[in-house]
Amino acid sequence: GHKGKGKLYFADINGDKKADLIVHETNGDIAVRLNQGTYWDG
């Protein structure tokens, strides 16, 4: 989240009560990586 960098967020996107990883690229794309219990998927 520093100047000129991308940003990450953590919130439950799929409703399983576990925080997923939301990736915000500097090009404006947003991807969701689902919580797999010990990591977030691709």
PDB file of all heavy atoms in Angstrom:
ATOM      1  N   GLY A   1       0.786  -1.226   0.000  1.00  0.00           N
ATOM      2  CA  GLY A   1       0.000   0.000   0.000  1.00  0.00           C
ATOM      3  C   GLY A   1       0.815   1.271   0.000  1.00  0.00           C
ATOM      4  O   GLY A   1       0.264   2.363   0.156  1.00  0.00           O
ATOM      5  N   HIS A   2       2.142   1.163  -0.175  1.00  0.00           N
ATOM      6  CA  HIS A   2       2.965   2.354  -0.251  1.00  0.00           C
ATOM      7  C   HIS A   2       2.769   3.029  -1.601  1.00  0.00           C
ATOM      8  O   HIS A   2       2.184   2.452  -2.530  1.00  0.00           O
ATOM      9  CB  HIS A   2       4.442   1.990  -0.058  1.00  0.00           C
ATOM     10  CG  HIS A   2       4.710   1.308   1.243  1.00  0.00           C
ATOM     11  ND1 HIS A   2       5.729   0.400   1.412  1.00  0.00           N
ATOM     12  CD2 HIS A   2       4.084   1.382   2.447  1.00  0.00           C
ATOM     13  CE1 HIS A   2       5.729  -0.042   2.653  1.00  0.00           C
ATOM     14  NE2 HIS A   2       4.731   0.520   3.307  1.00  0.00           N
ATOM     15  N   LYS A   3       3.251   4.245  -1.725  1.00  0.00           N
ATOM     16  CA  LYS A   3       3.049   5.017  -2.944  1.00  0.00           C
ATOM     17  C   LYS A   3       3.536   4.244  -4.168  1.00  0.00           C
ATOM     18  O   LYS A   3       4.655   3.750  -4.204  1.00  0.00           O
ATOM     19  CB  LYS A   3       3.790   6.352  -2.849  1.00  0.00           C
ATOM     20  CG  LYS A   3       3.492   7.291  -4.001  1.00  0.00           C
ATOM     21  CD  LYS A   3       4.161   8.642  -3.793  1.00  0.00           C
ATOM     22  CE  LYS A   3       3.828   9.582  -4.940  1.00  0.00           C
ATOM     23  NZ  LYS A   3       4.458  10.926  -4.747  1.00  0.00           N
ATOM     24  N   GLY A   4       2.653   4.118  -5.157  1.00  0.00           N
ATOM     25  CA  GLY A   4       2.999   3.422  -6.390  1.00  0.00           C
ATOM     26  C   GLY A   4       2.930   1.918  -6.307  1.00  0.00           C
ATOM     27  O   GLY A   4       3.266   1.229  -7.287  1.00  0.00           O
ATOM     28  N   LYS A   5       2.486   1.391  -5.166  1.00  0.00           N
ATOM     29  CA  LYS A   5       2.425  -0.059  -4.981  1.00  0.00           C
ATOM     30  C   LYS A   5       0.977  -0.538  -4.929  1.00  0.00           C
ATOM     31  O   LYS A   5       0.041   0.233  -4.746  1.00  0.00           O
ATOM     32  CB  LYS A   5       3.135  -0.455  -3.682  1.00  0.00           C
ATOM     33  CG  LYS A   5       4.593  -0.040  -3.612  1.00  0.00           C
ATOM     34  CD  LYS A   5       5.445  -0.741  -4.659  1.00  0.00           C
ATOM     35  CE  LYS A   5       6.918  -0.409  -4.476  1.00  0.00           C
ATOM     36  NZ  LYS A   5       7.775  -1.102  -5.466  1.00  0.00           N
ATOM     37  N   GLY A   6       0.811  -1.853  -5.059  1.00  0.00           N
ATOM     38  CA  GLY A   6      -0.504  -2.456  -4.927  1.00  0.00           C
ATOM     39  C   GLY A   6      -0.918  -2.548  -3.467  1.00  0.00           C
ATOM     40  O   GLY A   6      -0.216  -2.082  -2.562  1.00  0.00           O
ATOM     41  N   LYS A   7      -2.075  -3.170  -3.238  1.00  0.00           N
ATOM     42  CA  LYS A   7      -2.628  -3.213  -1.891  1.00  0.00           C
ATOM     43  C   LYS A   7      -3.346  -4.534  -1.674  1.00  0.00           C
ATOM     44  O   LYS A   7      -3.892  -5.130  -2.611  1.00  0.00           O
ATOM     45  CB  LYS A   7      -3.609  -2.050  -1.722  1.00  0.00           C
ATOM     46  CG  LYS A   7      -3.872  -1.640  -0.297  1.00  0.00           C
ATOM     47  CD  LYS A   7      -4.596  -0.304  -0.252  1.00  0.00           C
ATOM     48  CE  LYS A   7      -4.801   0.179   1.155  1.00  0.00           C
ATOM     49  NZ  LYS A   7      -5.479   1.497   1.180  1.00  0.00           N
ATOM     50  N   LEU A   8      -3.367  -4.993  -0.420  1.00  0.00           N
ATOM     51  CA  LEU A   8      -4.075  -6.218  -0.046  1.00  0.00           C
ATOM     52  C   LEU A   8      -5.174  -5.894   0.962  1.00  0.00           C
ATOM     53  O   LEU A   8      -5.069  -4.944   1.742  1.00  0.00           O
ATOM     54  CB  LEU A   8      -3.116  -7.234   0.584  1.00  0.00           C
ATOM     55  CG  LEU A   8      -1.921  -7.694  -0.249  1.00  0.00           C
ATOM     56  CD1 LEU A   8      -1.118  -8.725   0.537  1.00  0.00           C
ATOM     57  CD2 LEU A   8      -2.358  -8.251  -1.604  1.00  0.00           C
ATOM     58  N   TYR A   9      -6.228  -6.717   0.940  1.00  0.00           N
ATOM     59  CA  TYR A   9      -7.333  -6.609   1.895  1.00  0.00           C
ATOM     60  C   TYR A   9      -7.704  -8.025   2.321  1.00  0.00           C
ATOM     61  O   TYR A   9      -7.456  -8.993   1.586  1.00  0.00           O
ATOM     62  CB  TYR A   9      -8.556  -5.944   1.267  1.00  0.00           C
ATOM     63  CG  TYR A   9      -8.264  -4.733   0.415  1.00  0.00           C
ATOM     64  CD1 TYR A   9      -7.895  -4.876  -0.925  1.00  0.00           C
ATOM     65  CD2 TYR A   9      -8.369  -3.443   0.926  1.00  0.00           C
ATOM     66  CE1 TYR A   9      -7.641  -3.774  -1.719  1.00  0.00           C
ATOM     67  CE2 TYR A   9      -8.124  -2.330   0.136  1.00  0.00           C
ATOM     68  CZ  TYR A   9      -7.750  -2.506  -1.193  1.00  0.00           C
ATOM     69  OH  TYR A   9      -7.492  -1.409  -1.979  1.00  0.00           O
ATOM     70  N   PHE A  10      -8.330  -8.146   3.496  1.00  0.00           N
ATOM     71  CA  PHE A  10      -8.738  -9.456   3.996  1.00  0.00           C
ATOM     72  C   PHE A  10     -10.179  -9.368   4.469  1.00  0.00           C
ATOM     73  O   PHE A  10     -10.517  -8.573   5.350  1.00  0.00           O
ATOM     74  CB  PHE A  10      -7.816  -9.895   5.140  1.00  0.00           C
ATOM     75  CG  PHE A  10      -6.395 -10.117   4.699  1.00  0.00           C
ATOM     76  CD1 PHE A  10      -5.496  -9.054   4.675  1.00  0.00           C
ATOM     77  CD2 PHE A  10      -5.966 -11.364   4.289  1.00  0.00           C
ATOM     78  CE1 PHE A  10      -4.186  -9.243   4.257  1.00  0.00           C
ATOM     79  CE2 PHE A  10      -4.664 -11.558   3.856  1.00  0.00           C
ATOM     80  CZ  PHE A  10      -3.762 -10.498   3.838  1.00  0.00           C
ATOM     81  N   ALA A  11     -11.040 -10.184   3.870  1.00  0.00           N
ATOM     82  CA  ALA A  11     -12.462 -10.190   4.226  1.00  0.00           C
ATOM     83  C   ALA A  11     -13.083 -11.479   3.688  1.00  0.00           C
ATOM     84  O   ALA A  11     -12.566 -12.099   2.751  1.00  0.00           O
ATOM     85  CB  ALA A  11     -13.174  -8.977   3.636  1.00  0.00           C
ATOM     86  N   ASP A  12     -14.214 -11.859   4.266  1.00  0.00           N
ATOM     87  CA  ASP A  12     -14.901 -13.094   3.862  1.00  0.00           C
ATOM     88  C   ASP A  12     -15.714 -12.821   2.600  1.00  0.00           C
ATOM     89  O   ASP A  12     -16.791 -12.246   2.642  1.00  0.00           O
ATOM     90  CB  ASP A  12     -15.807 -13.573   4.993  1.00  0.00           C
ATOM     91  CG  ASP A  12     -16.550 -14.851   4.646  1.00  0.00           C
ATOM     92  OD1 ASP A  12     -16.226 -15.473   3.615  1.00  0.00           O
ATOM     93  OD2 ASP A  12     -17.456 -15.218   5.411  1.00  0.00           O
ATOM     94  N   ILE A  13     -15.204 -13.273   1.464  1.00  0.00           N
ATOM     95  CA  ILE A  13     -15.841 -13.021   0.171  1.00  0.00           C
ATOM     96  C   ILE A  13     -16.857 -14.100  -0.186  1.00  0.00           C
ATOM     97  O   ILE A  13     -17.887 -13.821  -0.811  1.00  0.00           O
ATOM     98  CB  ILE A  13     -14.771 -12.930  -0.942  1.00  0.00           C
ATOM     99  CG1 ILE A  13     -13.875 -11.710  -0.719  1.00  0.00           C
ATOM    100  CG2 ILE A  13     -15.409 -12.863  -2.329  1.00  0.00           C
ATOM    101  CD1 ILE A  13     -14.527 -10.380  -0.937  1.00  0.00           C
ATOM    102  N   ASN A  14     -16.612 -15.345   0.201  1.00  0.00           N
ATOM    103  CA  ASN A  14     -17.491 -16.440  -0.245  1.00  0.00           C
ATOM    104  C   ASN A  14     -18.461 -16.930   0.823  1.00  0.00           C
ATOM    105  O   ASN A  14     -19.185 -17.902   0.616  1.00  0.00           O
ATOM    106  CB  ASN A  14     -16.659 -17.613  -0.773  1.00  0.00           C
ATOM    107  CG  ASN A  14     -15.786 -18.246   0.299  1.00  0.00           C
ATOM    108  OD1 ASN A  14     -15.654 -17.702   1.393  1.00  0.00           O
ATOM    109  ND2 ASN A  14     -15.189 -19.385  -0.028  1.00  0.00           N
ATOM    110  N   GLY A  15     -18.499 -16.287   1.993  1.00  0.00           N
ATOM    111  CA  GLY A  15     -19.498 -16.614   3.006  1.00  0.00           C
ATOM    112  C   GLY A  15     -19.222 -17.827   3.848  1.00  0.00           C
ATOM    113  O   GLY A  15     -20.137 -18.356   4.495  1.00  0.00           O
ATOM    114  N   ASP A  16     -17.959 -18.281   3.904  1.00  0.00           N
ATOM    115  CA  ASP A  16     -17.639 -19.441   4.746  1.00  0.00           C
ATOM    116  C   ASP A  16     -17.110 -19.022   6.102  1.00  0.00           C
ATOM    117  O   ASP A  16     -16.611 -19.844   6.864  1.00  0.00           O
ATOM    118  CB  ASP A  16     -16.642 -20.358   4.045  1.00  0.00           C
ATOM    119  CG  ASP A  16     -15.285 -19.700   3.829  1.00  0.00           C
ATOM    120  OD1 ASP A  16     -15.135 -18.498   4.159  1.00  0.00           O
ATOM    121  OD2 ASP A  16     -14.364 -20.375   3.312  1.00  0.00           O
ATOM    122  N   LYS A  17     -17.203 -17.728   6.408  1.00  0.00           N
ATOM    123  CA  LYS A  17     -16.803 -17.119   7.693  1.00  0.00           C
ATOM    124  C   LYS A  17     -15.302 -17.028   7.886  1.00  0.00           C
ATOM    125  O   LYS A  17     -14.817 -16.676   8.981  1.00  0.00           O
ATOM    126  CB  LYS A  17     -17.457 -17.830   8.879  1.00  0.00           C
ATOM    127  CG  LYS A  17     -18.976 -17.863   8.817  1.00  0.00           C
ATOM    128  CD  LYS A  17     -19.586 -18.453  10.084  1.00  0.00           C
ATOM    129  CE  LYS A  17     -21.098 -18.582   9.941  1.00  0.00           C
ATOM    130  NZ  LYS A  17     -21.766 -17.321   9.605  1.00  0.00           N
ATOM    131  N   LYS A  18     -14.522 -17.311   6.848  1.00  0.00           N
ATOM    132  CA  LYS A  18     -13.065 -17.211   6.928  1.00  0.00           C
ATOM    133  C   LYS A  18     -12.571 -16.143   5.945  1.00  0.00           C
ATOM    134  O   LYS A  18     -13.004 -16.109   4.783  1.00  0.00           O
ATOM    135  CB  LYS A  18     -12.419 -18.568   6.622  1.00  0.00           C
ATOM    136  CG  LYS A  18     -12.768 -19.645   7.637  1.00  0.00           C
ATOM    137  CD  LYS A  18     -12.087 -20.959   7.333  1.00  0.00           C
ATOM    138  CE  LYS A  18     -12.620 -21.606   6.070  1.00  0.00           C
ATOM    139  NZ  LYS A  18     -12.018 -22.925   5.811  1.00  0.00           N
ATOM    140  N   ALA A  19     -11.660 -15.304   6.405  1.00  0.00           N
ATOM    141  CA  ALA A  19     -11.191 -14.176   5.589  1.00  0.00           C
ATOM    142  C   ALA A  19     -10.394 -14.639   4.382  1.00  0.00           C
ATOM    143  O   ALA A  19      -9.432 -15.414   4.506  1.00  0.00           O
ATOM    144  CB  ALA A  19     -10.345 -13.246   6.449  1.00  0.00           C
ATOM    145  N   ASP A  20     -10.810 -14.162   3.222  1.00  0.00           N
ATOM    146  CA  ASP A  20     -10.103 -14.410   1.972  1.00  0.00           C
ATOM    147  C   ASP A  20      -9.145 -13.253   1.696  1.00  0.00           C
ATOM    148  O   ASP A  20      -9.188 -12.206   2.351  1.00  0.00           O
ATOM    149  CB  ASP A  20     -11.113 -14.567   0.839  1.00  0.00           C
ATOM    150  CG  ASP A  20     -12.135 -15.651   1.142  1.00  0.00           C
ATOM    151  OD1 ASP A  20     -11.722 -16.808   1.335  1.00  0.00           O
ATOM    152  OD2 ASP A  20     -13.339 -15.331   1.225  1.00  0.00           O
ATOM    153  N   LEU A  21      -8.272 -13.447   0.719  1.00  0.00           N
ATOM    154  CA  LEU A  21      -7.282 -12.443   0.349  1.00  0.00           C
ATOM    155  C   LEU A  21      -7.739 -11.740  -0.931  1.00  0.00           C
ATOM    156  O   LEU A  21      -7.992 -12.389  -1.940  1.00  0.00           O
ATOM    157  CB  LEU A  21      -5.920 -13.116   0.135  1.00  0.00           C
ATOM    158  CG  LEU A  21      -4.816 -12.282  -0.521  1.00  0.00           C
ATOM    159  CD1 LEU A  21      -4.523 -11.020   0.277  1.00  0.00           C
ATOM    160  CD2 LEU A  21      -3.549 -13.127  -0.666  1.00  0.00           C
ATOM    161  N   ILE A  22      -7.844 -10.415  -0.871  1.00  0.00           N
ATOM    162  CA  ILE A  22      -8.241  -9.611  -2.034  1.00  0.00           C
ATOM    163  C   ILE A  22      -7.016  -8.841  -2.487  1.00  0.00           C
ATOM    164  O   ILE A  22      -6.385  -8.115  -1.702  1.00  0.00           O
ATOM    165  CB  ILE A  22      -9.386  -8.654  -1.666  1.00  0.00           C
ATOM    166  CG1 ILE A  22     -10.567  -9.456  -1.123  1.00  0.00           C
ATOM    167  CG2 ILE A  22      -9.807  -7.821  -2.871  1.00  0.00           C
ATOM    168  CD1 ILE A  22     -11.402  -8.718  -0.122  1.00  0.00           C
ATOM    169  N   VAL A  23      -6.654  -9.006  -3.743  1.00  0.00           N
ATOM    170  CA  VAL A  23      -5.429  -8.430  -4.296  1.00  0.00           C
ATOM    171  C   VAL A  23      -5.778  -7.283  -5.236  1.00  0.00           C
ATOM    172  O   VAL A  23      -6.522  -7.461  -6.202  1.00  0.00           O
ATOM    173  CB  VAL A  23      -4.616  -9.505  -5.062  1.00  0.00           C
ATOM    174  CG1 VAL A  23      -3.317  -8.906  -5.585  1.00  0.00           C
ATOM    175  CG2 VAL A  23      -4.339 -10.712  -4.164  1.00  0.00           C
ATOM    176  N   HIS A  24      -5.237  -6.121  -4.957  1.00  0.00           N
ATOM    177  CA  HIS A  24      -5.487  -4.916  -5.753  1.00  0.00           C
ATOM    178  C   HIS A  24      -4.188  -4.526  -6.458  1.00  0.00           C
ATOM    179  O   HIS A  24      -3.254  -4.022  -5.855  1.00  0.00           O
ATOM    180  CB  HIS A  24      -5.951  -3.797  -4.810  1.00  0.00           C
ATOM    181  CG  HIS A  24      -6.466  -2.582  -5.488  1.00  0.00           C
ATOM    182  ND1 HIS A  24      -7.028  -1.524  -4.799  1.00  0.00           N
ATOM    183  CD2 HIS A  24      -6.513  -2.217  -6.789  1.00  0.00           C
ATOM    184  CE1 HIS A  24      -7.398  -0.585  -5.630  1.00  0.00           C
ATOM    185  NE2 HIS A  24      -7.077  -0.984  -6.846  1.00  0.00           N
ATOM    186  N   GLU A  25      -4.137  -4.787  -7.771  1.00  0.00           N
ATOM    187  CA  GLU A  25      -2.942  -4.496  -8.560  1.00  0.00           C
ATOM    188  C   GLU A  25      -2.862  -3.001  -8.892  1.00  0.00           C
ATOM    189  O   GLU A  25      -3.871  -2.298  -8.904  1.00  0.00           O
ATOM    190  CB  GLU A  25      -2.982  -5.288  -9.877  1.00  0.00           C
ATOM    191  CG  GLU A  25      -3.089  -6.789  -9.726  1.00  0.00           C
ATOM    192  CD  GLU A  25      -1.741  -7.466  -9.672  1.00  0.00           C
ATOM    193  OE1 GLU A  25      -0.709  -6.758  -9.763  1.00  0.00           O
ATOM    194  OE2 GLU A  25      -1.711  -8.700  -9.556  1.00  0.00           O
ATOM    195  N   THR A  26      -1.654  -2.528  -9.205  1.00  0.00           N
ATOM    196  CA  THR A  26      -1.497  -1.120  -9.586  1.00  0.00           C
ATOM    197  C   THR A  26      -2.165  -0.817 -10.924  1.00  0.00           C
ATOM    198  O   THR A  26      -2.475   0.340 -11.208  1.00  0.00           O
ATOM    199  CB  THR A  26      -0.011  -0.733  -9.664  1.00  0.00           C
ATOM    200  OG1 THR A  26       0.667  -1.639 -10.534  1.00  0.00           O
ATOM    201  CG2 THR A  26       0.627  -0.782  -8.289  1.00  0.00           C
ATOM    202  N   ASN A  27      -2.421  -1.827 -11.742  1.00  0.00           N
ATOM    203  CA  ASN A  27      -3.134  -1.607 -13.014  1.00  0.00           C
ATOM    204  C   ASN A  27      -4.640  -1.535 -12.825  1.00  0.00           C
ATOM    205  O   ASN A  27      -5.389  -1.372 -13.783  1.00  0.00           O
ATOM    206  CB  ASN A  27      -2.780  -2.677 -14.041  1.00  0.00           C
ATOM    207  CG  ASN A  27      -3.285  -4.067 -13.645  1.00  0.00           C
ATOM    208  OD1 ASN A  27      -3.932  -4.245 -12.608  1.00  0.00           O
ATOM    209  ND2 ASN A  27      -2.982  -5.058 -14.469  1.00  0.00           N
ATOM    210  N   GLY A  28      -5.098  -1.668 -11.572  1.00  0.00           N
ATOM    211  CA  GLY A  28      -6.522  -1.555 -11.275  1.00  0.00           C
ATOM    212  C   GLY A  28      -7.266  -2.864 -11.181  1.00  0.00           C
ATOM    213  O   GLY A  28      -8.445  -2.878 -10.796  1.00  0.00           O
ATOM    214  N   ASP A  29      -6.628  -3.971 -11.508  1.00  0.00           N
ATOM    215  CA  ASP A  29      -7.293  -5.280 -11.409  1.00  0.00           C
ATOM    216  C   ASP A  29      -7.468  -5.692  -9.955  1.00  0.00           C
ATOM    217  O   ASP A  29      -6.612  -5.434  -9.103  1.00  0.00           O
ATOM    218  CB  ASP A  29      -6.481  -6.355 -12.128  1.00  0.00           C
ATOM    219  CG  ASP A  29      -6.582  -6.246 -13.643  1.00  0.00           C
ATOM    220  OD1 ASP A  29      -7.354  -5.391 -14.116  1.00  0.00           O
ATOM    221  OD2 ASP A  29      -5.883  -7.004 -14.331  1.00  0.00           O
ATOM    222  N   ILE A  30      -8.587  -6.376  -9.685  1.00  0.00           N
ATOM    223  CA  ILE A  30      -8.852  -6.930  -8.358  1.00  0.00           C
ATOM    224  C   ILE A  30      -9.117  -8.425  -8.507  1.00  0.00           C
ATOM    225  O   ILE A  30      -9.987  -8.846  -9.279  1.00  0.00           O
ATOM    226  CB  ILE A  30     -10.057  -6.246  -7.693  1.00  0.00           C
ATOM    227  CG1 ILE A  30      -9.700  -4.789  -7.369  1.00  0.00           C
ATOM    228  CG2 ILE A  30     -10.463  -6.976  -6.417  1.00  0.00           C
ATOM    229  CD1 ILE A  30     -10.822  -4.006  -6.787  1.00  0.00           C
ATOM    230  N   ALA A  31      -8.349  -9.219  -7.766  1.00  0.00           N
ATOM    231  CA  ALA A  31      -8.508 -10.674  -7.771  1.00  0.00           C
ATOM    232  C   ALA A  31      -8.824 -11.140  -6.355  1.00  0.00           C
ATOM    233  O   ALA A  31      -8.399 -10.521  -5.369  1.00  0.00           O
ATOM    234  CB  ALA A  31      -7.240 -11.353  -8.280  1.00  0.00           C
ATOM    235  N   VAL A  32      -9.572 -12.240  -6.260  1.00  0.00           N
ATOM    236  CA  VAL A  32      -9.928 -12.832  -4.966  1.00  0.00           C
ATOM    237  C   VAL A  32      -9.249 -14.186  -4.840  1.00  0.00           C
ATOM    238  O   VAL A  32      -9.378 -15.044  -5.717  1.00  0.00           O
ATOM    239  CB  VAL A  32     -11.454 -12.988  -4.831  1.00  0.00           C
ATOM    240  CG1 VAL A  32     -11.802 -13.788  -3.578  1.00  0.00           C
ATOM    241  CG2 VAL A  32     -12.128 -11.630  -4.807  1.00  0.00           C
ATOM    242  N   ARG A  33      -8.523 -14.387  -3.729  1.00  0.00           N
ATOM    243  CA  ARG A  33      -7.868 -15.655  -3.435  1.00  0.00           C
ATOM    244  C   ARG A  33      -8.556 -16.252  -2.208  1.00  0.00           C
ATOM    245  O   ARG A  33      -8.496 -15.692  -1.108  1.00  0.00           O
ATOM    246  CB  ARG A  33      -6.375 -15.437  -3.176  1.00  0.00           C
ATOM    247  CG  ARG A  33      -5.643 -14.929  -4.416  1.00  0.00           C
ATOM    248  CD  ARG A  33      -4.143 -14.892  -4.191  1.00  0.00           C
ATOM    249  NE  ARG A  33      -3.432 -14.625  -5.423  1.00  0.00           N
ATOM    250  CZ  ARG A  33      -2.317 -15.245  -5.821  1.00  0.00           C
ATOM    251  NH1 ARG A  33      -1.802 -16.206  -5.065  1.00  0.00           N
ATOM    252  NH2 ARG A  33      -1.736 -14.935  -6.956  1.00  0.00           N
ATOM    253  N   LEU A  34      -9.206 -17.384  -2.398  1.00  0.00           N
ATOM    254  CA  LEU A  34     -10.015 -17.977  -1.336  1.00  0.00           C
ATOM    255  C   LEU A  34      -9.179 -18.664  -0.271  1.00  0.00           C
ATOM    256  O   LEU A  34      -8.140 -19.271  -0.561  1.00  0.00           O
ATOM    257  CB  LEU A  34     -11.007 -18.967  -1.940  1.00  0.00           C
ATOM    258  CG  LEU A  34     -12.061 -18.349  -2.873  1.00  0.00           C
ATOM    259  CD1 LEU A  34     -12.965 -19.435  -3.436  1.00  0.00           C
ATOM    260  CD2 LEU A  34     -12.876 -17.277  -2.154  1.00  0.00           C
ATOM    261  N   ASN A  35      -9.668 -18.568   0.953  1.00  0.00           N
ATOM    262  CA  ASN A  35      -9.022 -19.153   2.126  1.00  0.00           C
ATOM    263  C   ASN A  35      -9.155 -20.681   2.102  1.00  0.00           C
ATOM    264  O   ASN A  35     -10.256 -21.224   2.062  1.00  0.00           O
ATOM    265  CB  ASN A  35      -9.700 -18.579   3.377  1.00  0.00           C
ATOM    266  CG  ASN A  35      -9.044 -18.980   4.663  1.00  0.00           C
ATOM    267  OD1 ASN A  35      -8.543 -20.083   4.809  1.00  0.00           O
ATOM    268  ND2 ASN A  35      -9.080 -18.065   5.629  1.00  0.00           N
ATOM    269  N   GLN A  36      -7.994 -21.366   2.115  1.00  0.00           N
ATOM    270  CA  GLN A  36      -7.979 -22.823   2.070  1.00  0.00           C
ATOM    271  C   GLN A  36      -7.584 -23.459   3.407  1.00  0.00           C
ATOM    272  O   GLN A  36      -7.264 -24.636   3.473  1.00  0.00           O
ATOM    273  CB  GLN A  36      -7.016 -23.288   0.978  1.00  0.00           C
ATOM    274  CG  GLN A  36      -7.364 -22.794  -0.406  1.00  0.00           C
ATOM    275  CD  GLN A  36      -8.720 -23.295  -0.873  1.00  0.00           C
ATOM    276  OE1 GLN A  36      -9.018 -24.499  -0.780  1.00  0.00           O
ATOM    277  NE2 GLN A  36      -9.548 -22.374  -1.383  1.00  0.00           N
ATOM    278  N   GLY A  37      -7.621 -22.656   4.479  1.00  0.00           N
ATOM    279  CA  GLY A  37      -7.342 -23.199   5.807  1.00  0.00           C
ATOM    280  C   GLY A  37      -5.930 -22.968   6.292  1.00  0.00           C
ATOM    281  O   GLY A  37      -5.709 -22.732   7.478  1.00  0.00           O
ATOM    282  N   THR A  38      -4.958 -23.040   5.364  1.00  0.00           N
ATOM    283  CA  THR A  38      -3.560 -22.755   5.723  1.00  0.00           C
ATOM    284  C   THR A  38      -2.887 -21.861   4.672  1.00  0.00           C
ATOM    285  O   THR A  38      -1.700 -21.560   4.799  1.00  0.00           O
ATOM    286  CB  THR A  38      -2.745 -24.048   5.857  1.00  0.00           C
ATOM    287  OG1 THR A  38      -2.865 -24.808   4.634  1.00  0.00           O
ATOM    288  CG2 THR A  38      -3.239 -24.890   7.028  1.00  0.00           C
ATOM    289  N   TYR A  39      -3.648 -21.465   3.662  1.00  0.00           N
ATOM    290  CA  TYR A  39      -3.115 -20.602   2.602  1.00  0.00           C
ATOM    291  C   TYR A  39      -4.297 -20.061   1.807  1.00  0.00           C
ATOM    292  O   TYR A  39      -5.460 -20.432   2.034  1.00  0.00           O
ATOM    293  CB  TYR A  39      -2.165 -21.390   1.690  1.00  0.00           C
ATOM    294  CG  TYR A  39      -2.837 -22.483   0.891  1.00  0.00           C
ATOM    295  CD1 TYR A  39      -3.269 -22.277  -0.429  1.00  0.00           C
ATOM    296  CD2 TYR A  39      -3.078 -23.743   1.458  1.00  0.00           C
ATOM    297  CE1 TYR A  39      -3.900 -23.277  -1.147  1.00  0.00           C
ATOM    298  CE2 TYR A  39      -3.712 -24.750   0.746  1.00  0.00           C
ATOM    299  CZ  TYR A  39      -4.117 -24.511  -0.566  1.00  0.00           C
ATOM    300  OH  TYR A  39      -4.752 -25.500  -1.273  1.00  0.00           O
ATOM    301  N   TRP A  40      -4.022 -19.144   0.884  1.00  0.00           N
ATOM    302  CA  TRP A  40      -5.036 -18.648  -0.040  1.00  0.00           C
ATOM    303  C   TRP A  40      -4.716 -19.172  -1.433  1.00  0.00           C
ATOM    304  O   TRP A  40      -3.542 -19.257  -1.830  1.00  0.00           O
ATOM    305  CB  TRP A  40      -5.042 -17.118  -0.040  1.00  0.00           C
ATOM    306  CG  TRP A  40      -5.463 -16.553   1.283  1.00  0.00           C
ATOM    307  CD1 TRP A  40      -6.727 -16.426   1.758  1.00  0.00           C
ATOM    308  CD2 TRP A  40      -4.618 -16.054   2.319  1.00  0.00           C
ATOM    309  NE1 TRP A  40      -6.734 -15.883   3.025  1.00  0.00           N
ATOM    310  CE2 TRP A  40      -5.444 -15.639   3.395  1.00  0.00           C
ATOM    311  CE3 TRP A  40      -3.232 -15.902   2.459  1.00  0.00           C
ATOM    312  CZ2 TRP A  40      -4.939 -15.089   4.566  1.00  0.00           C
ATOM    313  CZ3 TRP A  40      -2.711 -15.356   3.633  1.00  0.00           C
ATOM    314  CH2 TRP A  40      -3.564 -14.963   4.675  1.00  0.00           C
ATOM    315  N   ASP A  41      -5.739 -19.563  -2.186  1.00  0.00           N
ATOM    316  CA  ASP A  41      -5.511 -20.208  -3.482  1.00  0.00           C
ATOM    317  C   ASP A  41      -4.974 -19.230  -4.533  1.00  0.00           C
ATOM    318  O   ASP A  41      -4.694 -18.062  -4.246  1.00  0.00           O
ATOM    319  CB  ASP A  41      -6.779 -20.920  -3.962  1.00  0.00           C
ATOM    320  CG  ASP A  41      -7.908 -19.976  -4.353  1.00  0.00           C
ATOM    321  OD1 ASP A  41      -7.662 -18.767  -4.553  1.00  0.00           O
ATOM    322  OD2 ASP A  41      -9.057 -20.437  -4.463  1.00  0.00           O
ATOM    323  N   GLY A  42      -4.842 -19.723  -5.776  1.00  0.00           N
ATOM    324  CA  GLY A  42      -4.262 -18.920  -6.855  1.00  0.00           C
ATOM    325  C   GLY A  42      -5.132 -17.780  -7.317  1.00  0.00           C
ATOM    326  O   GLY A  42      -4.663 -16.877  -8.017  1.00  0.00           O
TER     327      GLY A  42
END
